[in-house]
């Protein structure tokens, strides 16, 4: 792996951790029925969709989680994650 790819991977991991910290500040993450892995994957998919413009993967994952946990729970978490990604994107520019 090149040094640029490694640096980008480290940066994206830092941004993902920042998004999860902001999510925990806005929502009671422990009360959500989602596991830590599912929340992390959802945040990662939101980040990917924010920059790569490939929202199909995000929508499929949201639909999968909605079938499992209900649409209300996922839509609330999704709205907060979208706002967080918009904030982070604004800060990056």
N, C-alpha and C. Protein backbone atom coordinates (compact mmCIF):
# COMPACT_ATOMS: atom_id res chain seq x y z
N UNK A 1 0.85 -1.17 0.00
CA UNK A 1 0.00 0.00 0.00
C UNK A 1 0.90 1.23 0.00
N UNK A 2 0.57 2.19 -0.84
CA UNK A 2 1.37 3.40 -0.92
C UNK A 2 1.17 4.26 0.33
N UNK A 3 2.07 5.19 0.52
CA UNK A 3 1.98 6.04 1.70
C UNK A 3 0.74 6.94 1.62
N UNK A 4 0.33 7.33 0.40
CA UNK A 4 -0.87 8.17 0.27
C UNK A 4 -2.13 7.38 0.63
N UNK A 5 -2.18 6.14 0.19
CA UNK A 5 -3.34 5.29 0.51
C UNK A 5 -3.39 5.02 2.01
N UNK A 6 -2.24 4.78 2.60
CA UNK A 6 -2.17 4.54 4.05
C UNK A 6 -2.60 5.78 4.82
N UNK A 7 -2.13 6.95 4.40
CA UNK A 7 -2.51 8.20 5.06
C UNK A 7 -4.00 8.46 4.92
N UNK A 8 -4.57 8.17 3.75
CA UNK A 8 -6.00 8.35 3.54
C UNK A 8 -6.81 7.40 4.42
N UNK A 9 -6.34 6.18 4.54
CA UNK A 9 -7.02 5.19 5.38
C UNK A 9 -7.02 5.64 6.84
N UNK A 10 -5.89 6.14 7.31
CA UNK A 10 -5.79 6.64 8.69
C UNK A 10 -6.71 7.84 8.89
N UNK A 11 -6.73 8.74 7.91
CA UNK A 11 -7.58 9.92 7.99
C UNK A 11 -9.06 9.53 8.04
N UNK A 12 -9.47 8.63 7.18
CA UNK A 12 -10.87 8.21 7.15
C UNK A 12 -11.27 7.52 8.45
N UNK A 13 -10.36 6.76 9.04
CA UNK A 13 -10.65 6.13 10.33
C UNK A 13 -10.83 7.19 11.41
N UNK A 14 -10.02 8.23 11.37
CA UNK A 14 -10.14 9.32 12.34
C UNK A 14 -11.46 10.06 12.17
N UNK A 15 -11.85 10.29 10.92
CA UNK A 15 -13.12 10.97 10.65
C UNK A 15 -14.30 10.11 11.10
N UNK A 16 -14.21 8.81 10.86
CA UNK A 16 -15.27 7.89 11.29
C UNK A 16 -15.41 7.90 12.81
N UNK A 17 -14.30 7.88 13.51
CA UNK A 17 -14.34 7.93 14.98
C UNK A 17 -14.93 9.26 15.46
N UNK A 18 -14.61 10.35 14.77
CA UNK A 18 -15.18 11.65 15.11
C UNK A 18 -16.69 11.64 14.91
N UNK A 19 -17.15 11.05 13.81
CA UNK A 19 -18.59 10.97 13.55
C UNK A 19 -19.30 10.14 14.61
N UNK A 20 -18.68 9.06 15.03
CA UNK A 20 -19.29 8.22 16.07
C UNK A 20 -19.32 8.94 17.42
N UNK A 21 -18.31 9.73 17.70
CA UNK A 21 -18.29 10.52 18.94
C UNK A 21 -19.41 11.56 18.91
N UNK A 22 -19.57 12.22 17.78
CA UNK A 22 -20.65 13.20 17.65
C UNK A 22 -22.02 12.55 17.73
N UNK A 23 -22.14 11.35 17.18
CA UNK A 23 -23.40 10.61 17.25
C UNK A 23 -23.73 10.28 18.71
N UNK A 24 -22.73 9.85 19.47
CA UNK A 24 -22.94 9.52 20.88
C UNK A 24 -23.32 10.75 21.69
N UNK A 25 -22.84 11.92 21.27
CA UNK A 25 -23.19 13.15 21.98
C UNK A 25 -24.63 13.57 21.70
N UNK A 26 -25.15 13.20 20.55
CA UNK A 26 -26.51 13.62 20.17
C UNK A 26 -27.58 12.59 20.51
N UNK A 27 -27.22 11.32 20.47
CA UNK A 27 -28.18 10.25 20.75
C UNK A 27 -27.65 9.36 21.86
N UNK A 28 -28.55 8.72 22.56
CA UNK A 28 -28.15 7.72 23.54
C UNK A 28 -27.92 6.42 22.78
N UNK A 29 -26.68 6.20 22.40
CA UNK A 29 -26.33 5.07 21.55
C UNK A 29 -26.58 3.74 22.27
N UNK A 30 -26.40 3.72 23.56
CA UNK A 30 -26.59 2.48 24.32
C UNK A 30 -28.05 2.03 24.34
N UNK A 31 -28.98 2.96 24.18
CA UNK A 31 -30.39 2.59 24.19
C UNK A 31 -30.88 2.11 22.82
N UNK A 32 -30.07 2.31 21.78
CA UNK A 32 -30.45 1.85 20.45
C UNK A 32 -30.34 0.33 20.36
N UNK A 33 -31.23 -0.31 19.61
CA UNK A 33 -31.15 -1.76 19.46
C UNK A 33 -30.01 -2.22 18.56
N UNK A 34 -29.37 -1.29 17.88
CA UNK A 34 -28.27 -1.62 16.97
C UNK A 34 -27.01 -2.00 17.74
N UNK A 35 -26.25 -2.91 17.17
CA UNK A 35 -24.97 -3.26 17.78
C UNK A 35 -23.93 -2.20 17.40
N UNK A 36 -22.79 -2.23 18.08
CA UNK A 36 -21.72 -1.29 17.78
C UNK A 36 -21.22 -1.46 16.35
N UNK A 37 -21.14 -2.69 15.91
CA UNK A 37 -20.68 -2.97 14.54
C UNK A 37 -21.66 -2.39 13.52
N UNK A 38 -22.95 -2.54 13.77
CA UNK A 38 -23.96 -2.02 12.84
C UNK A 38 -23.93 -0.50 12.79
N UNK A 39 -23.76 0.14 13.93
CA UNK A 39 -23.68 1.60 13.96
C UNK A 39 -22.44 2.07 13.22
N UNK A 40 -21.31 1.40 13.45
CA UNK A 40 -20.06 1.76 12.78
C UNK A 40 -20.18 1.57 11.26
N UNK A 41 -20.79 0.46 10.85
CA UNK A 41 -20.97 0.20 9.42
C UNK A 41 -21.89 1.23 8.79
N UNK A 42 -22.95 1.60 9.49
CA UNK A 42 -23.88 2.61 8.98
C UNK A 42 -23.16 3.95 8.83
N UNK A 43 -22.37 4.32 9.81
CA UNK A 43 -21.61 5.58 9.73
C UNK A 43 -20.61 5.54 8.58
N UNK A 44 -19.98 4.39 8.39
CA UNK A 44 -19.00 4.25 7.30
C UNK A 44 -19.70 4.35 5.94
N UNK A 45 -20.86 3.75 5.82
CA UNK A 45 -21.60 3.80 4.56
C UNK A 45 -22.09 5.23 4.26
N UNK A 46 -22.47 5.97 5.31
CA UNK A 46 -22.85 7.36 5.11
C UNK A 46 -21.67 8.18 4.62
N UNK A 47 -20.50 7.93 5.17
CA UNK A 47 -19.29 8.64 4.75
C UNK A 47 -18.97 8.31 3.29
N UNK A 48 -19.07 7.05 2.92
CA UNK A 48 -18.81 6.65 1.53
C UNK A 48 -19.81 7.31 0.58
N UNK A 49 -21.06 7.33 0.96
CA UNK A 49 -22.09 7.92 0.11
C UNK A 49 -21.92 9.43 -0.01
N UNK A 50 -21.36 10.04 1.02
CA UNK A 50 -21.17 11.49 1.02
C UNK A 50 -20.16 11.90 -0.06
N UNK A 51 -19.12 11.12 -0.22
CA UNK A 51 -18.07 11.50 -1.17
C UNK A 51 -18.13 10.77 -2.50
N UNK A 52 -18.49 9.53 -2.50
CA UNK A 52 -18.47 8.75 -3.74
C UNK A 52 -19.76 8.85 -4.52
N UNK A 53 -20.75 9.43 -3.94
CA UNK A 53 -22.04 9.60 -4.59
C UNK A 53 -22.70 8.27 -4.95
N UNK A 54 -22.28 7.19 -4.32
CA UNK A 54 -22.90 5.89 -4.55
C UNK A 54 -23.81 5.58 -3.37
N UNK A 55 -25.02 6.02 -3.47
CA UNK A 55 -25.95 5.89 -2.36
C UNK A 55 -26.70 4.56 -2.35
N UNK A 56 -26.53 3.77 -3.39
CA UNK A 56 -27.26 2.50 -3.46
C UNK A 56 -26.85 1.56 -2.33
N UNK A 57 -25.56 1.49 -2.05
CA UNK A 57 -25.07 0.61 -0.99
C UNK A 57 -25.61 1.06 0.36
N UNK A 58 -25.61 2.36 0.59
CA UNK A 58 -26.16 2.91 1.83
C UNK A 58 -27.64 2.60 1.94
N UNK A 59 -28.40 2.80 0.88
CA UNK A 59 -29.84 2.56 0.92
C UNK A 59 -30.16 1.08 1.16
N UNK A 60 -29.37 0.19 0.55
CA UNK A 60 -29.59 -1.25 0.80
C UNK A 60 -29.33 -1.59 2.26
N UNK A 61 -28.29 -1.03 2.84
CA UNK A 61 -27.98 -1.33 4.24
C UNK A 61 -29.04 -0.73 5.17
N UNK A 62 -29.50 0.48 4.87
CA UNK A 62 -30.56 1.08 5.67
C UNK A 62 -31.84 0.25 5.58
N UNK A 63 -32.16 -0.27 4.40
CA UNK A 63 -33.35 -1.10 4.22
C UNK A 63 -33.21 -2.40 5.02
N UNK A 64 -32.03 -2.98 5.01
CA UNK A 64 -31.79 -4.20 5.78
C UNK A 64 -31.99 -3.94 7.27
N UNK A 65 -31.41 -2.85 7.78
CA UNK A 65 -31.57 -2.53 9.19
C UNK A 65 -33.01 -2.17 9.55
N UNK A 66 -33.70 -1.51 8.63
CA UNK A 66 -35.10 -1.15 8.87
C UNK A 66 -35.98 -2.39 8.97
N UNK A 67 -35.69 -3.41 8.15
CA UNK A 67 -36.45 -4.65 8.26
C UNK A 67 -36.21 -5.32 9.61
N UNK A 68 -35.01 -5.19 10.13
CA UNK A 68 -34.67 -5.85 11.39
C UNK A 68 -35.13 -5.06 12.60
N UNK A 69 -34.92 -3.75 12.60
CA UNK A 69 -35.16 -2.94 13.80
C UNK A 69 -36.32 -1.96 13.69
N UNK A 70 -36.86 -1.79 12.53
CA UNK A 70 -37.96 -0.85 12.34
C UNK A 70 -37.49 0.42 11.67
N UNK A 71 -38.37 0.99 10.90
CA UNK A 71 -38.02 2.16 10.09
C UNK A 71 -37.79 3.41 10.94
N UNK A 72 -38.52 3.55 12.05
CA UNK A 72 -38.39 4.75 12.88
C UNK A 72 -36.99 4.88 13.48
N UNK A 73 -36.47 3.79 14.00
CA UNK A 73 -35.16 3.80 14.63
C UNK A 73 -34.08 4.17 13.62
N UNK A 74 -34.13 3.54 12.47
CA UNK A 74 -33.11 3.75 11.46
C UNK A 74 -33.22 5.15 10.86
N UNK A 75 -34.41 5.64 10.65
CA UNK A 75 -34.56 6.98 10.07
C UNK A 75 -34.04 8.05 11.01
N UNK A 76 -34.23 7.87 12.34
CA UNK A 76 -33.70 8.84 13.31
C UNK A 76 -32.18 8.84 13.31
N UNK A 77 -31.57 7.67 13.34
CA UNK A 77 -30.12 7.56 13.33
C UNK A 77 -29.57 8.08 12.01
N UNK A 78 -30.24 7.77 10.92
CA UNK A 78 -29.79 8.20 9.60
C UNK A 78 -29.82 9.73 9.48
N UNK A 79 -30.84 10.35 10.02
CA UNK A 79 -30.93 11.81 9.95
C UNK A 79 -29.79 12.46 10.72
N UNK A 80 -29.48 11.92 11.88
CA UNK A 80 -28.38 12.48 12.68
C UNK A 80 -27.04 12.25 11.98
N UNK A 81 -26.83 11.06 11.43
CA UNK A 81 -25.57 10.78 10.74
C UNK A 81 -25.41 11.65 9.49
N UNK A 82 -26.49 11.91 8.80
CA UNK A 82 -26.41 12.78 7.63
C UNK A 82 -26.02 14.20 8.03
N UNK A 83 -26.60 14.69 9.11
CA UNK A 83 -26.24 16.03 9.59
C UNK A 83 -24.78 16.07 10.03
N UNK A 84 -24.32 15.03 10.68
CA UNK A 84 -22.93 14.96 11.13
C UNK A 84 -21.99 14.96 9.93
N UNK A 85 -22.30 14.18 8.91
CA UNK A 85 -21.45 14.14 7.72
C UNK A 85 -21.44 15.48 7.00
N UNK A 86 -22.56 16.18 6.99
CA UNK A 86 -22.58 17.51 6.40
C UNK A 86 -21.69 18.47 7.18
N UNK A 87 -21.72 18.38 8.51
CA UNK A 87 -20.85 19.22 9.34
C UNK A 87 -19.39 18.91 9.07
N UNK A 88 -19.04 17.66 9.05
CA UNK A 88 -17.65 17.26 8.82
C UNK A 88 -17.20 17.68 7.42
N UNK A 89 -18.05 17.52 6.43
CA UNK A 89 -17.73 17.94 5.08
C UNK A 89 -17.51 19.45 4.99
N UNK A 90 -18.33 20.21 5.73
CA UNK A 90 -18.15 21.66 5.76
C UNK A 90 -16.82 22.03 6.42
N UNK A 91 -16.48 21.33 7.50
CA UNK A 91 -15.22 21.60 8.20
C UNK A 91 -14.01 21.23 7.35
N UNK A 92 -14.16 20.24 6.49
CA UNK A 92 -13.04 19.81 5.64
C UNK A 92 -12.73 20.84 4.55
N UNK A 93 -13.72 21.61 4.16
CA UNK A 93 -13.51 22.56 3.06
C UNK A 93 -12.96 23.84 3.53
